[in-house]
C-alpha atoms as a PDB file:
ATOM      1  CA  MET A   1     -19.970  -1.193  -2.600  1.00  0.00           C
ATOM      2  CA  ASN A   2     -16.213  -1.703  -2.657  1.00  0.00           C
ATOM      3  CA  GLN A   3     -14.083   1.364  -2.089  1.00  0.00           C
ATOM      4  CA  ILE A   4     -10.695   1.635  -3.764  1.00  0.00           C
ATOM      5  CA  ILE A   5      -8.067   3.365  -1.638  1.00  0.00           C
ATOM      6  CA  ASN A   6      -5.372   5.320  -3.424  1.00  0.00           C
ATOM      7  CA  MET A   7      -2.211   3.921  -1.811  1.00  0.00           C
ATOM      8  CA  SER A   8      -0.435   7.270  -2.133  1.00  0.00           C
ATOM      9  CA  ASN A   9      -2.993   8.615   0.348  1.00  0.00           C
ATOM     10  CA  LEU A  10      -2.701   5.849   2.916  1.00  0.00           C
ATOM     11  CA  VAL A  11      -0.802   6.224   6.192  1.00  0.00           C
ATOM     12  CA  ILE A  12       0.010   2.855   7.768  1.00  0.00           C
ATOM     13  CA  ILE A  13       0.839   2.906  11.476  1.00  0.00           C
ATOM     14  CA  PRO A  14       2.250  -0.374  12.804  1.00  0.00           C
ATOM     15  CA  THR A  15       1.857  -0.689  16.579  1.00  0.00           C
ATOM     16  CA  TYR A  16       3.031  -2.921  19.376  1.00  0.00           C
ATOM     17  CA  ASN A  17       2.582  -1.837  22.980  1.00  0.00           C
ATOM     18  CA  GLU A  18       1.749   1.738  21.975  1.00  0.00           C
ATOM     19  CA  LYS A  19      -1.232   2.263  24.297  1.00  0.00           C
ATOM     20  CA  GLU A  20       0.451   5.298  25.880  1.00  0.00           C
ATOM     21  CA  ASN A  21       1.446   6.847  22.523  1.00  0.00           C
ATOM     22  CA  ILE A  22      -1.171   5.939  19.914  1.00  0.00           C
ATOM     23  CA  GLU A  23      -3.447   8.923  20.579  1.00  0.00           C
ATOM     24  CA  LYS A  24      -0.543  11.364  20.164  1.00  0.00           C
ATOM     25  CA  ILE A  25       0.556   9.617  16.982  1.00  0.00           C
ATOM     26  CA  ILE A  26      -2.929   9.728  15.440  1.00  0.00           C
ATOM     27  CA  LEU A  27      -3.425  13.405  16.366  1.00  0.00           C
ATOM     28  CA  LYS A  28      -0.066  14.253  14.805  1.00  0.00           C
ATOM     29  CA  VAL A  29      -0.980  12.454  11.577  1.00  0.00           C
ATOM     30  CA  PHE A  30      -4.404  14.165  11.474  1.00  0.00           C
ATOM     31  CA  SER A  31      -2.641  17.534  11.778  1.00  0.00           C
ATOM     32  CA  LEU A  32      -1.110  17.026   8.317  1.00  0.00           C
ATOM     33  CA  GLU A  33      -2.654  19.160   5.608  1.00  0.00           C
ATOM     34  CA  SER A  34      -3.559  16.346   3.267  1.00  0.00           C
ATOM     35  CA  ASP A  35      -6.446  14.038   2.451  1.00  0.00           C
ATOM     36  CA  PHE A  36      -5.629  10.472   3.453  1.00  0.00           C
ATOM     37  CA  HIS A  37      -6.767   7.273   5.108  1.00  0.00           C
ATOM     38  CA  ILE A  38      -5.152   5.799   8.203  1.00  0.00           C
ATOM     39  CA  LEU A  39      -4.630   2.080   8.696  1.00  0.00           C
ATOM     40  CA  ILE A  40      -3.495   1.086  12.181  1.00  0.00           C
ATOM     41  CA  VAL A  41      -2.094  -2.429  12.444  1.00  0.00           C
ATOM     42  CA  ASP A  42      -1.575  -3.911  15.903  1.00  0.00           C
ATOM     43  CA  ASP A  43       0.535  -7.046  16.328  1.00  0.00           C
ATOM     44  CA  GLY A  44      -1.253  -8.502  19.344  1.00  0.00           C
ATOM     45  CA  SER A  45      -0.082  -5.973  21.917  1.00  0.00           C
ATOM     46  CA  PRO A  46      -0.570  -7.287  25.433  1.00  0.00           C
ATOM     47  CA  ASP A  47      -0.969  -3.711  26.736  1.00  0.00           C
ATOM     48  CA  GLY A  48      -4.421  -3.253  25.148  1.00  0.00           C
ATOM     49  CA  THR A  49      -3.432  -1.020  22.216  1.00  0.00           C
ATOM     50  CA  ALA A  50      -5.979  -2.723  19.940  1.00  0.00           C
ATOM     51  CA  GLU A  51      -8.869  -1.994  22.310  1.00  0.00           C
ATOM     52  CA  LEU A  52      -8.412   1.775  21.976  1.00  0.00           C
END
């Protein structure tokens, strides 16, 4: 079944070489008092960000 995501409740996090920071960023976003989805987009980071 297709799920429709309300774009006003979508947090988009673009990343490039953020392996050392991505966990902190995600935890900070999850600390917000709101209902939302997170979309993390990695642009081929050579540091392994996408593998996390």
